[in-house]
PDB file of N, CA and C in Angstrom:
ATOM      1  N   UNK A   1      63.904 105.352 122.474  1.00  0.00           N
ATOM      2  CA  UNK A   1      64.468 106.642 122.769  1.00  0.00           C
ATOM      3  C   UNK A   1      64.404 106.843 124.289  1.00  0.00           C
ATOM      4  N   UNK A   2      65.487 107.321 124.850  1.00  0.00           N
ATOM      5  CA  UNK A   2      65.556 107.525 126.290  1.00  0.00           C
ATOM      6  C   UNK A   2      64.792 108.780 126.697  1.00  0.00           C
ATOM      7  N   UNK A   3      64.354 108.797 127.946  1.00  0.00           N
ATOM      8  CA  UNK A   3      63.582 109.936 128.457  1.00  0.00           C
ATOM      9  C   UNK A   3      64.420 111.210 128.480  1.00  0.00           C
ATOM     10  N   UNK A   4      65.725 111.090 128.681  1.00  0.00           N
ATOM     11  CA  UNK A   4      66.577 112.281 128.666  1.00  0.00           C
ATOM     12  C   UNK A   4      66.662 112.874 127.262  1.00  0.00           C
ATOM     13  N   UNK A   5      66.631 112.018 126.255  1.00  0.00           N
ATOM     14  CA  UNK A   5      66.623 112.513 124.874  1.00  0.00           C
ATOM     15  C   UNK A   5      65.317 113.235 124.568  1.00  0.00           C
ATOM     16  N   UNK A   6      64.212 112.686 125.047  1.00  0.00           N
ATOM     17  CA  UNK A   6      62.918 113.327 124.837  1.00  0.00           C
ATOM     18  C   UNK A   6      62.883 114.673 125.558  1.00  0.00           C
ATOM     19  N   UNK A   7      63.436 114.740 126.764  1.00  0.00           N
ATOM     20  CA  UNK A   7      63.472 115.993 127.517  1.00  0.00           C
ATOM     21  C   UNK A   7      64.328 117.038 126.804  1.00  0.00           C
ATOM     22  N   UNK A   8      65.450 116.616 126.244  1.00  0.00           N
ATOM     23  CA  UNK A   8      66.315 117.550 125.510  1.00  0.00           C
ATOM     24  C   UNK A   8      65.619 118.062 124.247  1.00  0.00           C
ATOM     25  N   UNK A   9      64.925 117.182 123.546  1.00  0.00           N
ATOM     26  CA  UNK A   9      64.196 117.588 122.341  1.00  0.00           C
ATOM     27  C   UNK A   9      63.065 118.542 122.711  1.00  0.00           C
ATOM     28  N   UNK A  10      62.359 118.250 123.820  1.00  0.00           N
ATOM     29  CA  UNK A  10      61.301 119.145 124.290  1.00  0.00           C
ATOM     30  C   UNK A  10      61.872 120.525 124.608  1.00  0.00           C
ATOM     31  N   UNK A  11      63.010 120.565 125.290  1.00  0.00           N
ATOM     32  CA  UNK A  11      63.629 121.840 125.631  1.00  0.00           C
ATOM     33  C   UNK A  11      63.981 122.641 124.375  1.00  0.00           C
ATOM     34  N   UNK A  12      64.523 121.976 123.368  1.00  0.00           N
ATOM     35  CA  UNK A  12      64.860 122.666 122.122  1.00  0.00           C
ATOM     36  C   UNK A  12      63.611 123.213 121.439  1.00  0.00           C
ATOM     37  N   UNK A  13      62.547 122.408 121.375  1.00  0.00           N
ATOM     38  CA  UNK A  13      61.291 122.878 120.794  1.00  0.00           C
ATOM     39  C   UNK A  13      60.692 124.017 121.633  1.00  0.00           C
ATOM     40  N   UNK A  14      60.833 123.952 122.955  1.00  0.00           N
ATOM     41  CA  UNK A  14      60.305 124.994 123.830  1.00  0.00           C
ATOM     42  C   UNK A  14      60.996 126.326 123.560  1.00  0.00           C
ATOM     43  N   UNK A  15      62.315 126.303 123.483  1.00  0.00           N
ATOM     44  CA  UNK A  15      63.063 127.543 123.236  1.00  0.00           C
ATOM     45  C   UNK A  15      62.720 128.101 121.857  1.00  0.00           C
ATOM     46  N   UNK A  16      62.679 127.221 120.858  1.00  0.00           N
ATOM     47  CA  UNK A  16      62.372 127.669 119.498  1.00  0.00           C
ATOM     48  C   UNK A  16      60.962 128.258 119.430  1.00  0.00           C
ATOM     49  N   UNK A  17      59.984 127.570 119.998  1.00  0.00           N
ATOM     50  CA  UNK A  17      58.617 128.078 119.931  1.00  0.00           C
ATOM     51  C   UNK A  17      58.443 129.310 120.820  1.00  0.00           C
ATOM     52  N   UNK A  18      59.218 129.412 121.886  1.00  0.00           N
ATOM     53  CA  UNK A  18      59.173 130.615 122.709  1.00  0.00           C
ATOM     54  C   UNK A  18      59.585 131.846 121.923  1.00  0.00           C
ATOM     55  N   UNK A  19      60.650 131.728 121.176  1.00  0.00           N
ATOM     56  CA  UNK A  19      61.078 132.854 120.343  1.00  0.00           C
ATOM     57  C   UNK A  19      60.085 133.136 119.219  1.00  0.00           C
ATOM     58  N   UNK A  20      59.459 132.097 118.697  1.00  0.00           N
ATOM     59  CA  UNK A  20      58.461 132.305 117.650  1.00  0.00           C
ATOM     60  C   UNK A  20      57.198 132.966 118.192  1.00  0.00           C
ATOM     61  N   UNK A  21      56.867 132.746 119.458  1.00  0.00           N
ATOM     62  CA  UNK A  21      55.645 133.299 120.044  1.00  0.00           C
ATOM     63  C   UNK A  21      55.817 134.735 120.545  1.00  0.00           C
ATOM     64  N   UNK A  22      57.041 135.216 120.681  1.00  0.00           N
ATOM     65  CA  UNK A  22      57.269 136.551 121.250  1.00  0.00           C
ATOM     66  C   UNK A  22      56.511 137.674 120.551  1.00  0.00           C
ATOM     67  N   UNK A  23      56.471 137.746 119.233  1.00  0.00           N
ATOM     68  CA  UNK A  23      55.798 138.901 118.621  1.00  0.00           C
ATOM     69  C   UNK A  23      54.273 138.834 118.623  1.00  0.00           C
ATOM     70  N   UNK A  24      53.661 137.699 118.947  1.00  0.00           N
ATOM     71  CA  UNK A  24      52.213 137.570 118.874  1.00  0.00           C
ATOM     72  C   UNK A  24      51.556 138.095 120.147  1.00  0.00           C
ATOM     73  N   UNK A  25      50.507 138.895 119.970  1.00  0.00           N
ATOM     74  CA  UNK A  25      49.761 139.422 121.102  1.00  0.00           C
ATOM     75  C   UNK A  25      50.413 140.597 121.789  1.00  0.00           C
ATOM     76  N   UNK A  26      51.418 141.191 121.173  1.00  0.00           N
ATOM     77  CA  UNK A  26      52.123 142.325 121.774  1.00  0.00           C
ATOM     78  C   UNK A  26      51.631 143.611 121.119  1.00  0.00           C
ATOM     79  N   UNK A  27      51.328 144.597 121.948  1.00  0.00           N
ATOM     80  CA  UNK A  27      50.876 145.895 121.431  1.00  0.00           C
ATOM     81  C   UNK A  27      51.826 146.979 121.909  1.00  0.00           C
ATOM     82  N   UNK A  28      52.099 147.924 121.042  1.00  0.00           N
ATOM     83  CA  UNK A  28      52.958 149.055 121.411  1.00  0.00           C
ATOM     84  C   UNK A  28      52.107 150.113 122.111  1.00  0.00           C
ATOM     85  N   UNK A  29      52.763 151.129 122.626  1.00  0.00           N
ATOM     86  CA  UNK A  29      52.057 152.218 123.315  1.00  0.00           C
ATOM     87  C   UNK A  29      51.134 152.958 122.354  1.00  0.00           C
ATOM     88  N   UNK A  30      51.558 153.147 121.122  1.00  0.00           N
ATOM     89  CA  UNK A  30      50.719 153.823 120.133  1.00  0.00           C
ATOM     90  C   UNK A  30      49.468 153.014 119.827  1.00  0.00           C
ATOM     91  N   UNK A  31      49.610 151.696 119.700  1.00  0.00           N
ATOM     92  CA  UNK A  31      48.458 150.837 119.403  1.00  0.00           C
ATOM     93  C   UNK A  31      47.491 150.771 120.579  1.00  0.00           C
ATOM     94  N   UNK A  32      48.008 150.821 121.792  1.00  0.00           N
ATOM     95  CA  UNK A  32      47.170 150.729 122.987  1.00  0.00           C
ATOM     96  C   UNK A  32      46.615 152.082 123.416  1.00  0.00           C
ATOM     97  N   UNK A  33      47.145 153.163 122.857  1.00  0.00           N
ATOM     98  CA  UNK A  33      46.684 154.495 123.240  1.00  0.00           C
ATOM     99  C   UNK A  33      47.173 154.924 124.609  1.00  0.00           C
ATOM    100  N   UNK A  34      48.354 154.461 124.995  1.00  0.00           N
ATOM    101  CA  UNK A  34      48.925 154.755 126.308  1.00  0.00           C
ATOM    102  C   UNK A  34      50.055 155.756 126.128  1.00  0.00           C
ATOM    103  N   UNK A  35      50.239 156.601 127.130  1.00  0.00           N
ATOM    104  CA  UNK A  35      51.328 157.578 127.111  1.00  0.00           C
ATOM    105  C   UNK A  35      52.674 156.854 127.192  1.00  0.00           C
ATOM    106  N   UNK A  36      53.612 157.284 126.368  1.00  0.00           N
ATOM    107  CA  UNK A  36      54.953 156.682 126.388  1.00  0.00           C
ATOM    108  C   UNK A  36      55.799 157.299 127.494  1.00  0.00           C
ATOM    109  N   UNK A  37      56.677 156.475 128.032  1.00  0.00           N
ATOM    110  CA  UNK A  37      57.644 156.930 129.023  1.00  0.00           C
ATOM    111  C   UNK A  37      58.778 157.626 128.262  1.00  0.00           C
ATOM    112  N   UNK A  38      59.309 158.724 128.768  1.00  0.00           N
ATOM    113  CA  UNK A  38      60.418 159.375 128.059  1.00  0.00           C
ATOM    114  C   UNK A  38      61.592 158.414 127.853  1.00  0.00           C
ATOM    115  N   UNK A  39      62.073 158.346 126.619  1.00  0.00           N
ATOM    116  CA  UNK A  39      63.181 157.468 126.270  1.00  0.00           C
ATOM    117  C   UNK A  39      62.752 156.065 125.872  1.00  0.00           C
ATOM    118  N   UNK A  40      61.455 155.811 125.874  1.00  0.00           N
ATOM    119  CA  UNK A  40      60.944 154.480 125.519  1.00  0.00           C
ATOM    120  C   UNK A  40      61.059 154.257 124.019  1.00  0.00           C
ATOM    121  N   UNK A  41      61.437 153.061 123.636  1.00  0.00           N
ATOM    122  CA  UNK A  41      61.533 152.712 122.221  1.00  0.00           C
ATOM    123  C   UNK A  41      60.139 152.659 121.611  1.00  0.00           C
ATOM    124  N   UNK A  42      60.056 152.959 120.319  1.00  0.00           N
ATOM    125  CA  UNK A  42      58.764 152.940 119.625  1.00  0.00           C
ATOM    126  C   UNK A  42      58.141 151.549 119.634  1.00  0.00           C
ATOM    127  N   UNK A  43      58.966 150.523 119.611  1.00  0.00           N
ATOM    128  CA  UNK A  43      58.470 149.150 119.502  1.00  0.00           C
ATOM    129  C   UNK A  43      58.320 148.443 120.844  1.00  0.00           C
ATOM    130  N   UNK A  44      58.524 149.149 121.948  1.00  0.00           N
ATOM    131  CA  UNK A  44      58.450 148.521 123.268  1.00  0.00           C
ATOM    132  C   UNK A  44      57.014 148.099 123.578  1.00  0.00           C
ATOM    133  N   UNK A  45      56.827 146.876 124.090  1.00  0.00           N
ATOM    134  CA  UNK A  45      55.466 146.435 124.405  1.00  0.00           C
ATOM    135  C   UNK A  45      54.911 147.156 125.634  1.00  0.00           C
ATOM    136  N   UNK A  46      53.590 147.336 125.643  1.00  0.00           N
ATOM    137  CA  UNK A  46      52.941 148.017 126.756  1.00  0.00           C
ATOM    138  C   UNK A  46      52.844 147.097 127.962  1.00  0.00           C
ATOM    139  N   UNK A  47      52.317 145.902 127.760  1.00  0.00           N
ATOM    140  CA  UNK A  47      52.093 144.972 128.869  1.00  0.00           C
ATOM    141  C   UNK A  47      52.609 143.600 128.463  1.00  0.00           C
ATOM    142  N   UNK A  48      53.891 143.376 128.643  1.00  0.00           N
ATOM    143  CA  UNK A  48      54.486 142.094 128.267  1.00  0.00           C
ATOM    144  C   UNK A  48      54.180 141.069 129.342  1.00  0.00           C
ATOM    145  N   UNK A  49      53.666 139.908 128.935  1.00  0.00           N
ATOM    146  CA  UNK A  49      53.302 138.846 129.871  1.00  0.00           C
ATOM    147  C   UNK A  49      54.086 137.582 129.526  1.00  0.00           C
ATOM    148  N   UNK A  50      55.252 137.388 130.158  1.00  0.00           N
ATOM    149  CA  UNK A  50      56.070 136.225 129.827  1.00  0.00           C
ATOM    150  C   UNK A  50      55.412 134.900 130.192  1.00  0.00           C
ATOM    151  N   UNK A  51      54.491 134.909 131.151  1.00  0.00           N
ATOM    152  CA  UNK A  51      53.788 133.680 131.514  1.00  0.00           C
ATOM    153  C   UNK A  51      52.934 133.155 130.369  1.00  0.00           C
ATOM    154  N   UNK A  52      52.268 134.067 129.672  1.00  0.00           N
ATOM    155  CA  UNK A  52      51.461 133.666 128.507  1.00  0.00           C
ATOM    156  C   UNK A  52      52.345 133.102 127.402  1.00  0.00           C
ATOM    157  N   UNK A  53      53.467 133.755 127.179  1.00  0.00           N
ATOM    158  CA  UNK A  53      54.387 133.279 126.139  1.00  0.00           C
ATOM    159  C   UNK A  53      54.904 131.889 126.494  1.00  0.00           C
ATOM    160  N   UNK A  54      55.265 131.682 127.752  1.00  0.00           N
ATOM    161  CA  UNK A  54      55.768 130.379 128.190  1.00  0.00           C
ATOM    162  C   UNK A  54      54.686 129.307 128.104  1.00  0.00           C
ATOM    163  N   UNK A  55      53.452 129.656 128.444  1.00  0.00           N
ATOM    164  CA  UNK A  55      52.357 128.685 128.364  1.00  0.00           C
ATOM    165  C   UNK A  55      52.097 128.268 126.922  1.00  0.00           C
ATOM    166  N   UNK A  56      52.051 129.249 126.037  1.00  0.00           N
ATOM    167  CA  UNK A  56      51.845 128.929 124.617  1.00  0.00           C
ATOM    168  C   UNK A  56      53.008 128.108 124.066  1.00  0.00           C
ATOM    169  N   UNK A  57      54.219 128.492 124.431  1.00  0.00           N
ATOM    170  CA  UNK A  57      55.401 127.775 123.946  1.00  0.00           C
ATOM    171  C   UNK A  57      55.437 126.350 124.476  1.00  0.00           C
ATOM    172  N   UNK A  58      54.999 126.141 125.713  1.00  0.00           N
ATOM    173  CA  UNK A  58      55.023 124.782 126.269  1.00  0.00           C
ATOM    174  C   UNK A  58      54.022 123.876 125.574  1.00  0.00           C
ATOM    175  N   UNK A  59      52.858 124.409 125.202  1.00  0.00           N
ATOM    176  CA  UNK A  59      51.872 123.600 124.475  1.00  0.00           C
ATOM    177  C   UNK A  59      52.390 123.254 123.081  1.00  0.00           C
ATOM    178  N   UNK A  60      52.922 124.243 122.400  1.00  0.00           N
ATOM    179  CA  UNK A  60      53.455 123.992 121.053  1.00  0.00           C
ATOM    180  C   UNK A  60      54.621 123.021 121.114  1.00  0.00           C
ATOM    181  N   UNK A  61      55.497 123.174 122.108  1.00  0.00           N
ATOM    182  CA  UNK A  61      56.641 122.271 122.252  1.00  0.00           C
ATOM    183  C   UNK A  61      56.195 120.854 122.566  1.00  0.00           C
ATOM    184  N   UNK A  62      55.150 120.691 123.369  1.00  0.00           N
ATOM    185  CA  UNK A  62      54.649 119.354 123.690  1.00  0.00           C
ATOM    186  C   UNK A  62      54.102 118.667 122.445  1.00  0.00           C
ATOM    187  N   UNK A  63      53.350 119.401 121.637  1.00  0.00           N
ATOM    188  CA  UNK A  63      52.804 118.827 120.398  1.00  0.00           C
ATOM    189  C   UNK A  63      53.931 118.480 119.430  1.00  0.00           C
ATOM    190  N   UNK A  64      54.885 119.394 119.267  1.00  0.00           N
ATOM    191  CA  UNK A  64      55.999 119.145 118.343  1.00  0.00           C
ATOM    192  C   UNK A  64      56.854 117.965 118.818  1.00  0.00           C
ATOM    193  N   UNK A  65      57.080 117.852 120.121  1.00  0.00           N
ATOM    194  CA  UNK A  65      57.855 116.732 120.656  1.00  0.00           C
ATOM    195  C   UNK A  65      57.113 115.423 120.461  1.00  0.00           C
ATOM    196  N   UNK A  66      55.806 115.428 120.692  1.00  0.00           N
ATOM    197  CA  UNK A  66      55.018 114.212 120.484  1.00  0.00           C
ATOM    198  C   UNK A  66      55.069 113.763 119.029  1.00  0.00           C
ATOM    199  N   UNK A  67      54.963 114.705 118.100  1.00  0.00           N
ATOM    200  CA  UNK A  67      55.065 114.354 116.681  1.00  0.00           C
ATOM    201  C   UNK A  67      56.456 113.847 116.329  1.00  0.00           C
ATOM    202  N   UNK A  68      57.480 114.469 116.898  1.00  0.00           N
ATOM    203  CA  UNK A  68      58.853 114.049 116.627  1.00  0.00           C
ATOM    204  C   UNK A  68      59.096 112.627 117.128  1.00  0.00           C
ATOM    205  N   UNK A  69      58.666 112.337 118.360  1.00  0.00           N
ATOM    206  CA  UNK A  69      58.873 111.008 118.932  1.00  0.00           C
ATOM    207  C   UNK A  69      58.054 109.962 118.178  1.00  0.00           C
ATOM    208  N   UNK A  70      56.826 110.302 117.786  1.00  0.00           N
ATOM    209  CA  UNK A  70      56.008 109.374 117.012  1.00  0.00           C
ATOM    210  C   UNK A  70      56.657 109.082 115.658  1.00  0.00           C
ATOM    211  N   UNK A  71      57.205 110.109 115.027  1.00  0.00           N
ATOM    212  CA  UNK A  71      57.899 109.900 113.759  1.00  0.00           C
ATOM    213  C   UNK A  71      59.148 109.045 113.958  1.00  0.00           C
ATOM    214  N   UNK A  72      59.815 109.220 115.073  1.00  0.00           N
ATOM    215  CA  UNK A  72      61.003 108.418 115.375  1.00  0.00           C
ATOM    216  C   UNK A  72      60.633 106.941 115.508  1.00  0.00           C
ATOM    217  N   UNK A  73      59.529 106.671 116.191  1.00  0.00           N
ATOM    218  CA  UNK A  73      59.123 105.274 116.423  1.00  0.00           C
ATOM    219  C   UNK A  73      58.517 104.628 115.183  1.00  0.00           C
ATOM    220  N   UNK A  74      57.686 105.375 114.451  1.00  0.00           N
ATOM    221  CA  UNK A  74      56.964 104.788 113.320  1.00  0.00           C
ATOM    222  C   UNK A  74      57.641 105.011 111.977  1.00  0.00           C
ATOM    223  N   UNK A  75      58.601 105.925 111.898  1.00  0.00           N
ATOM    224  CA  UNK A  75      59.367 106.135 110.674  1.00  0.00           C
ATOM    225  C   UNK A  75      58.558 106.689 109.520  1.00  0.00           C
ATOM    226  N   UNK A  76      57.649 107.635 109.800  1.00  0.00           N
ATOM    227  CA  UNK A  76      56.845 108.227 108.746  1.00  0.00           C
ATOM    228  C   UNK A  76      57.704 108.961 107.729  1.00  0.00           C
ATOM    229  N   UNK A  77      58.641 109.763 108.211  1.00  0.00           N
ATOM    230  CA  UNK A  77      59.544 110.517 107.339  1.00  0.00           C
ATOM    231  C   UNK A  77      60.962 110.179 107.767  1.00  0.00           C
ATOM    232  N   UNK A  78      61.759 109.682 106.819  1.00  0.00           N
ATOM    233  CA  UNK A  78      63.141 109.322 107.112  1.00  0.00           C
ATOM    234  C   UNK A  78      64.079 110.257 106.351  1.00  0.00           C
ATOM    235  N   UNK A  79      65.369 110.123 106.606  1.00  0.00           N
ATOM    236  CA  UNK A  79      66.355 110.949 105.906  1.00  0.00           C
ATOM    237  C   UNK A  79      66.333 110.649 104.404  1.00  0.00           C
ATOM    238  N   UNK A  80      66.049 109.425 104.042  1.00  0.00           N
ATOM    239  CA  UNK A  80      65.989 109.068 102.624  1.00  0.00           C
ATOM    240  C   UNK A  80      64.814 109.763 101.930  1.00  0.00           C
ATOM    241  N   UNK A  81      63.755 110.042 102.671  1.00  0.00           N
ATOM    242  CA  UNK A  81      62.592 110.716 102.084  1.00  0.00           C
ATOM    243  C   UNK A  81      62.866 112.178 101.758  1.00  0.00           C
ATOM    244  N   UNK A  82      63.760 112.803 102.480  1.00  0.00           N
ATOM    245  CA  UNK A  82      64.019 114.227 102.257  1.00  0.00           C
ATOM    246  C   UNK A  82      65.340 114.478 101.538  1.00  0.00           C
ATOM    247  N   UNK A  83      65.978 113.434 101.071  1.00  0.00           N
ATOM    248  CA  UNK A  83      67.231 113.574 100.337  1.00  0.00           C
ATOM    249  C   UNK A  83      66.900 113.807  98.866  1.00  0.00           C
ATOM    250  N   UNK A  84      66.935 115.079  98.444  1.00  0.00           N
ATOM    251  CA  UNK A  84      66.565 115.434  97.083  1.00  0.00           C
ATOM    252  C   UNK A  84      67.765 115.595  96.154  1.00  0.00           C
ATOM    253  N   UNK A  85      68.961 115.454  96.659  1.00  0.00           N
ATOM    254  CA  UNK A  85      70.142 115.623  95.824  1.00  0.00           C
ATOM    255  C   UNK A  85      70.320 114.402  94.936  1.00  0.00           C
ATOM    256  N   UNK A  86      70.729 114.620  93.694  1.00  0.00           N
ATOM    257  CA  UNK A  86      70.936 113.471  92.814  1.00  0.00           C
ATOM    258  C   UNK A  86      72.111 112.622  93.289  1.00  0.00           C
ATOM    259  N   UNK A  87      71.990 111.350  93.099  1.00  0.00           N
ATOM    260  CA  UNK A  87      73.065 110.423  93.482  1.00  0.00           C
ATOM    261  C   UNK A  87      74.206 110.529  92.471  1.00  0.00           C
ATOM    262  N   UNK A  88      75.445 110.511  92.950  1.00  0.00           N
ATOM    263  CA  UNK A  88      76.580 110.568  92.011  1.00  0.00           C
ATOM    264  C   UNK A  88      76.633 109.280  91.189  1.00  0.00           C
ATOM    265  N   UNK A  89      77.100 109.379  89.938  1.00  0.00           N
ATOM    266  CA  UNK A  89      77.180 108.159  89.112  1.00  0.00           C
ATOM    267  C   UNK A  89      78.219 107.195  89.677  1.00  0.00           C
ATOM    268  N   UNK A  90      77.923 105.931  89.554  1.00  0.00           N
ATOM    269  CA  UNK A  90      78.865 104.914  90.043  1.00  0.00           C
ATOM    270  C   UNK A  90      79.974 104.704  89.040  1.00  0.00           C
ATOM    271  N   UNK A  91      81.159 104.517  89.561  1.00  0.00           N
ATOM    272  CA  UNK A  91      82.304 104.279  88.695  1.00  0.00           C
ATOM    273  C   UNK A  91      82.280 102.814  88.251  1.00  0.00           C
ATOM    274  N   UNK A  92      82.418 102.583  86.974  1.00  0.00           N
ATOM    275  CA  UNK A  92      82.432 101.204  86.491  1.00  0.00           C
ATOM    276  C   UNK A  92      83.894 100.749  86.432  1.00  0.00           C
ATOM    277  N   UNK A  93      84.068  99.535  86.747  1.00  0.00           N
ATOM    278  CA  UNK A  93      85.453  99.129  86.698  1.00  0.00           C
ATOM    279  C   UNK A  93      85.672  97.795  87.074  1.00  0.00           C
TER     280      UNK A  93
END
């Protein structure tokens, strides 16, 4: 596998895990006991820290990419392993 392919896979895992990490560790103004700004949404975070989200996402993406590349090289799980659809009957003739 080429390094550019690994970088592209890492980027995809990074974006996916970044979106998955967004709701964790976020507190609203009501939960934090802080005064709301007029017009603020009820679900708006009090202290959003994108650096923490990016750090967590980069670690998760690195682990997921390493597992993906290892599976690619060693073939632990293949497409045949996850193909659960029944095979069509063969035509005799």
